[in-house]
Amino acid sequence: MGARSAARVGYSDRIHDPAFKRYVRHANYWALLFAGILAVVAVVGFFIYGETSSEMDNPQALYIGLGIGGMFLTIALITVLGRATSKTWDGVVVDKYVKRRRRRERSGDDTYEVPYDEYGVVIRDQRGKIHTLTADDDDTVYEYYQVGDQVRHHKGLDTLEKYDKSRDSIIFCSACSTKHDITDDKCFRCGCPLLK
């Protein structure tokens, strides 16, 4: 156990596995395809609504559909460009917090506030920029990282890799963020190797 734990110290060379490039390529493809389908549905749906409804006529309904469809495509393009332009960076966990917050929710005609806990992990990268990981009513990521942990963000991916994983019982897939047992070697969801 000691030798295996010691081997989990350091950033993994498995990041160079072709599965990660394949994952990013597929994620971009599906984001654009899904956005394209939603855009077509919005345009066609609003056009039909404009032709059949007495409340709104074309071209006004069609313009609304084009606007909503354009919004879906814009969000997908921003996501794809964000992955393409992101950079690999190193950082350190500098703080953790739990905040009691409230959010508004609707049920029928009623609006009410629901309390929830926001768990946050604050990371400072080598340029001094602050990154915050947050989760509502879920302390998994909060418990996974400790103040002082060194972490690395890999270009195009979402989850941070810890430098020292020797004391961990879980690990997150750096591609799709799925939680795994530390003894697993590959992500069962996306097929990428776990960085350990």
Protein backbone atom coordinates (compact mmCIF):
# COMPACT_ATOMS: atom_id res chain seq x y z
CA MET A 1 0.00 0.00 0.00
CA GLY A 2 2.82 2.42 0.88
CA ALA A 3 4.56 2.05 -2.49
CA ARG A 4 1.29 2.41 -4.41
CA SER A 5 0.38 5.53 -2.41
CA ALA A 6 3.79 7.06 -3.01
CA ALA A 7 3.28 6.51 -6.74
CA ARG A 8 0.26 8.80 -6.57
CA VAL A 9 2.40 11.86 -5.83
CA GLY A 10 3.03 14.05 -8.86
CA TYR A 11 1.12 15.06 -11.96
CA SER A 12 0.29 12.09 -14.16
CA ASP A 13 1.83 11.48 -17.58
CA ARG A 14 -1.45 9.81 -18.54
CA ILE A 15 -2.71 13.26 -19.58
CA HIS A 16 -0.98 12.60 -22.94
CA ASP A 17 -3.25 9.61 -23.64
CA PRO A 18 -5.10 10.16 -26.97
CA ALA A 19 -8.39 9.48 -25.17
CA PHE A 20 -8.37 13.05 -23.80
CA LYS A 21 -8.09 14.65 -27.26
CA ARG A 22 -10.82 12.30 -28.46
CA TYR A 23 -13.02 13.31 -25.51
CA VAL A 24 -12.60 17.04 -26.23
CA ARG A 25 -13.31 16.49 -29.93
CA HIS A 26 -16.47 14.49 -29.15
CA ALA A 27 -17.62 16.96 -26.48
CA ASN A 28 -17.28 19.83 -28.96
CA TYR A 29 -19.10 17.86 -31.67
CA TRP A 30 -22.03 16.98 -29.38
CA ALA A 31 -22.27 20.52 -28.01
CA LEU A 32 -22.54 21.95 -31.53
CA LEU A 33 -24.90 19.21 -32.74
CA PHE A 34 -27.23 19.59 -29.75
CA ALA A 35 -27.22 23.38 -30.09
CA GLY A 36 -27.92 23.05 -33.83
CA ILE A 37 -30.90 20.77 -33.19
CA LEU A 38 -32.28 23.13 -30.53
CA ALA A 39 -31.80 26.09 -32.89
CA VAL A 40 -33.71 24.35 -35.71
CA VAL A 41 -36.50 23.33 -33.32
CA ALA A 42 -36.77 26.92 -32.04
CA VAL A 43 -36.91 28.44 -35.54
CA VAL A 44 -39.38 25.88 -36.92
CA GLY A 45 -41.48 25.91 -33.76
CA PHE A 46 -41.84 29.68 -33.67
CA PHE A 47 -42.51 29.80 -37.42
CA ILE A 48 -45.34 27.27 -37.05
CA TYR A 49 -46.62 29.17 -34.02
CA GLY A 50 -46.65 32.38 -36.07
CA GLU A 51 -48.59 30.66 -38.86
CA THR A 52 -51.18 29.01 -36.61
CA SER A 53 -51.56 31.34 -33.63
CA SER A 54 -53.80 34.37 -33.36
CA GLU A 55 -51.48 35.89 -30.72
CA MET A 56 -48.40 36.39 -32.92
CA ASP A 57 -47.83 36.51 -36.68
CA ASN A 58 -44.80 35.91 -38.83
CA PRO A 59 -42.28 37.37 -39.33
CA GLN A 60 -42.31 38.45 -35.64
CA ALA A 61 -42.57 34.83 -34.40
CA LEU A 62 -39.85 33.76 -36.84
CA TYR A 63 -37.52 36.52 -35.59
CA ILE A 64 -38.02 35.36 -32.00
CA GLY A 65 -37.23 31.79 -33.07
CA LEU A 66 -34.10 32.98 -34.88
CA GLY A 67 -33.03 34.90 -31.79
CA ILE A 68 -33.48 31.91 -29.48
CA GLY A 69 -31.80 29.58 -31.99
CA GLY A 70 -28.92 32.01 -32.32
CA MET A 71 -28.59 32.07 -28.52
CA PHE A 72 -28.24 28.25 -28.39
CA LEU A 73 -25.58 28.31 -31.11
CA THR A 74 -23.73 31.19 -29.43
CA ILE A 75 -23.58 29.34 -26.10
CA ALA A 76 -22.23 26.22 -27.84
CA LEU A 77 -19.61 28.24 -29.75
CA ILE A 78 -18.48 30.00 -26.55
CA THR A 79 -18.11 26.59 -24.87
CA VAL A 80 -16.08 25.17 -27.77
CA LEU A 81 -13.90 28.29 -28.04
CA GLY A 82 -13.40 28.28 -24.26
CA ARG A 83 -12.02 24.74 -24.44
CA ALA A 84 -9.81 25.62 -27.41
CA THR A 85 -8.34 28.75 -25.82
CA SER A 86 -7.98 27.46 -22.25
CA LYS A 87 -4.45 26.92 -21.03
CA THR A 88 -2.78 24.51 -18.65
CA TRP A 89 -2.02 26.21 -15.34
CA ASP A 90 -0.87 25.28 -11.84
CA GLY A 91 -2.38 26.60 -8.64
CA VAL A 92 -2.78 26.16 -4.90
CA VAL A 93 -5.93 25.77 -2.81
CA VAL A 94 -5.88 28.90 -0.63
CA ASP A 95 -9.29 28.75 1.07
CA LYS A 96 -12.46 26.73 1.59
CA TYR A 97 -15.85 27.94 2.78
CA VAL A 98 -19.43 26.95 3.49
CA LYS A 99 -22.07 29.66 3.09
CA ARG A 100 -25.74 29.40 3.96
CA ARG A 101 -27.68 30.87 1.05
CA ARG A 102 -31.27 31.15 -0.16
CA ARG A 103 -32.73 30.80 -3.64
CA ARG A 104 -36.18 31.57 -5.00
CA GLU A 105 -38.25 28.73 -6.36
CA ARG A 106 -41.70 28.61 -7.89
CA SER A 107 -44.49 26.14 -7.45
CA GLY A 108 -47.53 27.05 -9.50
CA ASP A 109 -48.35 30.67 -8.66
CA ASP A 110 -46.38 30.64 -5.40
CA THR A 111 -42.80 31.87 -5.03
CA TYR A 112 -40.82 30.91 -1.96
CA GLU A 113 -37.22 30.87 -0.72
CA VAL A 114 -35.34 27.66 -0.12
CA PRO A 115 -32.19 27.59 2.04
CA TYR A 116 -29.13 25.70 0.80
CA ASP A 117 -25.44 25.37 1.62
CA GLU A 118 -22.86 26.55 -0.92
CA TYR A 119 -19.56 24.69 -0.60
CA GLY A 120 -16.60 26.52 -2.11
CA VAL A 121 -12.94 25.77 -2.81
CA VAL A 122 -10.77 28.78 -3.69
CA ILE A 123 -7.67 28.30 -5.86
CA ARG A 124 -5.00 30.85 -6.80
CA ASP A 125 -3.11 30.10 -10.00
CA GLN A 126 0.54 30.98 -10.71
CA ARG A 127 -0.50 34.36 -12.20
CA GLY A 128 -2.45 35.27 -9.07
CA LYS A 129 -5.88 34.74 -10.65
CA ILE A 130 -8.55 33.31 -8.34
CA HIS A 131 -10.70 30.34 -9.40
CA THR A 132 -13.59 29.11 -7.25
CA LEU A 133 -15.20 25.66 -7.40
CA THR A 134 -18.72 25.72 -5.94
CA ALA A 135 -21.41 23.12 -5.34
CA ASP A 136 -24.86 23.45 -3.77
CA ASP A 137 -25.69 21.03 -0.95
CA ASP A 138 -22.83 18.69 -1.96
CA ASP A 139 -19.58 18.66 0.01
CA THR A 140 -17.76 16.03 -2.10
CA VAL A 141 -15.37 18.43 -3.88
CA TYR A 142 -15.09 20.54 -0.71
CA GLU A 143 -13.87 17.49 1.25
CA TYR A 144 -11.60 16.29 -1.59
CA TYR A 145 -9.42 19.41 -1.63
CA GLN A 146 -7.50 20.74 1.36
CA VAL A 147 -5.96 24.17 1.84
CA GLY A 148 -2.38 23.95 0.57
CA ASP A 149 -3.09 21.30 -2.09
CA GLN A 150 -1.22 21.90 -5.34
CA VAL A 151 -3.46 21.45 -8.38
CA ARG A 152 -3.18 21.57 -12.16
CA HIS A 153 -5.81 22.57 -14.70
CA HIS A 154 -5.23 20.81 -18.02
CA LYS A 155 -6.01 22.64 -21.28
CA GLY A 156 -9.50 21.88 -22.58
CA LEU A 157 -10.62 19.93 -19.50
CA ASP A 158 -12.78 20.90 -16.54
CA THR A 159 -11.57 19.07 -13.44
CA LEU A 160 -8.36 19.89 -11.56
CA GLU A 161 -5.69 17.27 -10.95
CA LYS A 162 -4.18 17.15 -7.46
CA TYR A 163 -0.41 16.83 -7.21
CA ASP A 164 -0.58 14.59 -4.12
CA LYS A 165 -3.25 11.89 -4.34
CA SER A 166 -1.47 9.52 -1.93
CA ARG A 167 -4.04 9.94 0.88
CA ASP A 168 -7.15 9.93 -1.32
CA SER A 169 -9.80 7.22 -1.51
CA ILE A 170 -11.56 8.83 -4.50
CA ILE A 171 -10.47 10.52 -7.72
CA PHE A 172 -12.34 12.58 -10.31
CA CYS A 173 -12.07 11.99 -14.05
CA SER A 174 -10.25 15.03 -15.44
CA ALA A 175 -12.35 14.88 -18.61
CA CYS A 176 -15.97 14.41 -17.48
CA SER A 177 -15.63 14.95 -13.69
CA THR A 178 -17.12 11.55 -12.78
CA LYS A 179 -16.16 10.41 -9.27
CA HIS A 180 -14.27 7.10 -8.99
CA ASP A 181 -12.61 4.91 -6.41
CA ILE A 182 -8.88 5.66 -6.32
CA THR A 183 -8.14 2.06 -7.37
CA ASP A 184 -9.96 2.49 -10.71
CA ASP A 185 -7.78 3.03 -13.78
CA LYS A 186 -10.27 4.29 -16.39
CA CYS A 187 -13.41 6.36 -16.32
CA PHE A 188 -16.42 4.12 -16.87
CA ARG A 189 -18.35 7.04 -18.39
CA CYS A 190 -15.97 8.56 -20.96
CA GLY A 191 -13.14 5.98 -21.18
CA CYS A 192 -10.35 8.41 -20.32
CA PRO A 193 -7.57 7.21 -17.99
CA LEU A 194 -7.69 8.53 -14.44
CA LEU A 195 -4.77 10.83 -13.66
CA LYS A 196 -3.01 9.19 -10.74
